[in-house]
């Protein structure tokens, strides 16, 4: 009896070698996938966690306004000192410009060494603006935002370039924030800034 089936037979020892090669290539593929995932995870961690805080602290939107420019680090600290006419004690600074629909806002954020230093800076600003009148700002008022903002005390002044507000950040107490708003609903922009900065 003759069997005419075409059966594939591996040469002696060839089947085991083929299976070993297949296992080795599968193992290499698995190692490649794991290394790729680890690399992707490390890159994501670096971009989202280890990246400089100044980049992360500047949101792309403030209410309906879009971020159109920003400055941080030494350049921002130099601009803040120039505005104050003196070198003030800051660890870092950020300036963000927002625009949209003919309205705009500029947010100045100065980070002091401590909450106490930030509070002293805010007190100096209140005293300086309130006393001399040579600052260009007038009609200082103290606003208290709702409980949603922990009854945050915000100072409002009139001056060139829009409505001006400044306060100690409820989010990061080492920060003093100044917001200049040129918008029909300046309080909505202020509330957005208080939430973010």
Protein backbone atom coordinates (compact mmCIF):
# COMPACT_ATOMS: atom_id res chain seq x y z
CA UNK A 1 0.00 0.00 0.00
CA UNK A 2 1.39 3.26 -1.10
CA UNK A 3 0.56 6.48 0.69
CA UNK A 4 0.46 9.33 -1.82
CA UNK A 5 -0.15 12.06 0.70
CA UNK A 6 2.26 14.90 0.45
CA UNK A 7 3.18 15.32 4.04
CA UNK A 8 5.75 17.79 5.00
CA UNK A 9 8.44 16.35 7.09
CA UNK A 10 11.11 18.36 8.75
CA UNK A 11 14.59 17.11 8.27
CA UNK A 12 15.96 15.34 11.30
CA UNK A 13 16.54 17.97 14.03
CA UNK A 14 15.25 20.76 11.72
CA UNK A 15 11.87 21.14 13.42
CA UNK A 16 13.39 21.86 16.76
CA UNK A 17 15.82 24.38 15.27
CA UNK A 18 12.96 26.14 13.48
CA UNK A 19 10.90 26.31 16.69
CA UNK A 20 13.91 27.70 18.58
CA UNK A 21 14.41 30.41 15.93
CA UNK A 22 10.73 31.30 16.08
CA UNK A 23 10.84 31.50 19.90
CA UNK A 24 13.98 33.63 19.74
CA UNK A 25 12.42 36.08 17.26
CA UNK A 26 9.23 36.24 19.36
CA UNK A 27 11.31 36.92 22.47
CA UNK A 28 13.25 39.66 20.65
CA UNK A 29 9.99 41.20 19.49
CA UNK A 30 8.63 41.16 23.05
CA UNK A 31 11.83 42.74 24.38
CA UNK A 32 11.60 45.40 21.66
CA UNK A 33 8.01 46.21 22.62
CA UNK A 34 8.91 46.44 26.33
CA UNK A 35 11.92 48.69 25.61
CA UNK A 36 9.73 50.86 23.36
CA UNK A 37 7.06 51.20 26.04
CA UNK A 38 9.66 52.02 28.70
CA UNK A 39 11.22 54.65 26.42
CA UNK A 40 7.82 56.17 25.67
CA UNK A 41 6.94 56.17 29.39
CA UNK A 42 10.23 57.84 30.33
CA UNK A 43 9.79 60.48 27.61
CA UNK A 44 6.25 61.19 28.78
CA UNK A 45 7.41 61.39 32.41
CA UNK A 46 10.16 63.81 31.43
CA UNK A 47 7.82 66.04 29.44
CA UNK A 48 4.97 66.07 31.94
CA UNK A 49 6.66 65.78 35.33
CA UNK A 50 10.29 66.80 35.05
CA UNK A 51 9.74 69.70 32.62
CA UNK A 52 10.28 73.21 33.99
CA UNK A 53 7.39 74.49 36.08
CA UNK A 54 7.30 77.80 34.25
CA UNK A 55 6.16 76.10 31.05
CA UNK A 56 3.43 74.20 32.87
CA UNK A 57 2.26 77.23 34.83
CA UNK A 58 1.30 79.17 31.69
CA UNK A 59 -2.06 77.88 30.52
CA UNK A 60 -2.95 78.23 26.82
CA UNK A 61 -6.24 79.99 27.64
CA UNK A 62 -7.55 82.46 30.19
CA UNK A 63 -11.33 82.39 29.90
CA UNK A 64 -12.08 83.08 26.24
CA UNK A 65 -8.65 84.65 25.68
CA UNK A 66 -5.78 82.73 24.08
CA UNK A 67 -2.13 82.87 25.10
CA UNK A 68 -0.27 84.99 22.53
CA UNK A 69 3.10 85.36 24.24
CA UNK A 70 4.99 84.74 27.43
CA UNK A 71 8.28 85.46 29.13
CA UNK A 72 9.74 83.65 32.12
CA UNK A 73 12.94 83.28 34.08
CA UNK A 74 15.62 85.98 34.20
CA UNK A 75 14.03 88.05 31.42
CA UNK A 76 10.68 88.21 33.25
CA UNK A 77 12.39 89.03 36.56
CA UNK A 78 14.26 91.90 34.85
CA UNK A 79 10.99 93.27 33.44
CA UNK A 80 9.27 93.07 36.83
CA UNK A 81 12.19 94.85 38.53
CA UNK A 82 12.14 97.54 35.83
CA UNK A 83 8.44 98.17 36.45
CA UNK A 84 9.04 98.49 40.18
CA UNK A 85 12.05 100.73 39.65
CA UNK A 86 14.07 98.55 41.98
CA UNK A 87 15.41 95.04 42.23
CA UNK A 88 12.75 93.12 44.14
CA UNK A 89 13.34 89.80 45.85
CA UNK A 90 11.91 87.14 43.56
CA UNK A 91 12.91 83.54 42.98
CA UNK A 92 11.17 83.43 39.59
CA UNK A 93 8.74 85.37 37.44
CA UNK A 94 6.42 84.76 34.51
CA UNK A 95 4.56 87.20 32.27
CA UNK A 96 1.74 85.91 30.04
CA UNK A 97 -0.16 87.88 27.38
CA UNK A 98 -3.65 86.78 26.33
CA UNK A 99 -5.79 88.17 23.50
CA UNK A 100 -9.02 87.42 21.70
CA UNK A 101 -11.89 89.29 20.06
CA UNK A 102 -10.42 92.74 20.65
CA UNK A 103 -9.95 92.05 24.37
CA UNK A 104 -6.84 91.14 26.27
CA UNK A 105 -5.12 90.52 29.56
CA UNK A 106 -1.57 90.42 30.87
CA UNK A 107 -0.73 88.32 33.92
CA UNK A 108 2.43 89.01 35.90
CA UNK A 109 3.39 86.29 38.38
CA UNK A 110 6.27 86.80 40.79
CA UNK A 111 7.34 83.96 43.06
CA UNK A 112 9.00 84.98 46.31
CA UNK A 113 11.19 82.80 48.52
CA UNK A 114 8.37 82.17 51.00
CA UNK A 115 4.76 82.99 51.79
CA UNK A 116 6.00 85.57 54.29
CA UNK A 117 8.20 87.24 51.65
CA UNK A 118 5.29 87.28 49.17
CA UNK A 119 3.03 88.83 51.79
CA UNK A 120 5.65 91.51 52.52
CA UNK A 121 5.91 92.25 48.78
CA UNK A 122 2.12 92.59 48.51
CA UNK A 123 2.08 94.94 51.53
CA UNK A 124 4.83 97.06 49.94
CA UNK A 125 2.81 97.26 46.71
CA UNK A 126 -0.33 98.34 48.60
CA UNK A 127 1.62 100.96 50.56
CA UNK A 128 3.51 102.23 47.51
CA UNK A 129 0.44 102.56 45.32
CA UNK A 130 -1.76 103.95 48.08
CA UNK A 131 0.58 106.63 49.42
CA UNK A 132 2.51 108.57 46.84
CA UNK A 133 0.11 108.73 43.93
CA UNK A 134 3.15 108.89 41.66
CA UNK A 135 2.73 105.27 40.61
CA UNK A 136 0.14 106.12 37.96
CA UNK A 137 -2.48 104.01 39.73
CA UNK A 138 -5.42 105.46 41.67
CA UNK A 139 -8.67 104.54 43.41
CA UNK A 140 -7.42 101.44 45.21
CA UNK A 141 -10.23 99.16 46.36
CA UNK A 142 -10.09 95.88 48.18
CA UNK A 143 -12.38 93.17 46.81
CA UNK A 144 -13.17 89.91 48.52
CA UNK A 145 -13.90 87.07 46.13
CA UNK A 146 -16.48 84.45 47.04
CA UNK A 147 -15.96 81.47 49.30
CA UNK A 148 -15.07 79.42 46.22
CA UNK A 149 -11.80 81.37 46.33
CA UNK A 150 -11.38 81.16 50.13
CA UNK A 151 -12.51 84.79 50.45
CA UNK A 152 -9.35 85.85 48.64
CA UNK A 153 -8.49 89.53 49.08
CA UNK A 154 -7.84 91.19 45.74
CA UNK A 155 -6.77 94.78 45.27
CA UNK A 156 -8.15 96.73 42.32
CA UNK A 157 -6.67 99.96 40.98
CA UNK A 158 -7.38 102.22 38.04
CA UNK A 159 -4.53 102.96 35.70
CA UNK A 160 -3.31 102.95 32.13
CA UNK A 161 -3.97 99.92 29.97
CA UNK A 162 -7.18 98.63 31.57
CA UNK A 163 -8.35 97.45 34.96
CA UNK A 164 -5.64 96.23 37.30
CA UNK A 165 -5.92 93.60 40.03
CA UNK A 166 -3.28 92.14 42.32
CA UNK A 167 -3.32 89.50 45.03
CA UNK A 168 -1.49 86.70 46.80
CA UNK A 169 -2.12 83.45 44.99
CA UNK A 170 -4.50 81.13 46.84
CA UNK A 171 -3.09 78.25 44.81
CA UNK A 172 0.61 78.95 45.48
CA UNK A 173 1.02 81.31 48.47
CA UNK A 174 4.60 82.27 47.52
CA UNK A 175 3.23 84.02 44.42
CA UNK A 176 2.09 87.59 43.97
CA UNK A 177 -0.10 87.99 40.89
CA UNK A 178 -0.91 91.19 38.96
CA UNK A 179 -3.58 91.02 36.25
CA UNK A 180 -4.21 93.83 33.77
CA UNK A 181 -7.48 93.34 31.92
CA UNK A 182 -8.83 95.09 28.83
CA UNK A 183 -12.17 93.33 28.52
CA UNK A 184 -15.84 94.12 28.89
CA UNK A 185 -16.19 91.56 31.69
CA UNK A 186 -12.97 92.08 33.60
CA UNK A 187 -14.22 90.26 36.72
CA UNK A 188 -14.74 87.04 34.73
CA UNK A 189 -11.14 87.25 33.49
CA UNK A 190 -9.97 87.97 37.05
CA UNK A 191 -11.84 84.92 38.37
CA UNK A 192 -10.23 82.79 35.65
CA UNK A 193 -6.79 84.10 36.64
CA UNK A 194 -7.44 83.40 40.33
CA UNK A 195 -8.37 79.79 39.51
CA UNK A 196 -5.26 79.25 37.38
CA UNK A 197 -2.59 81.40 39.00
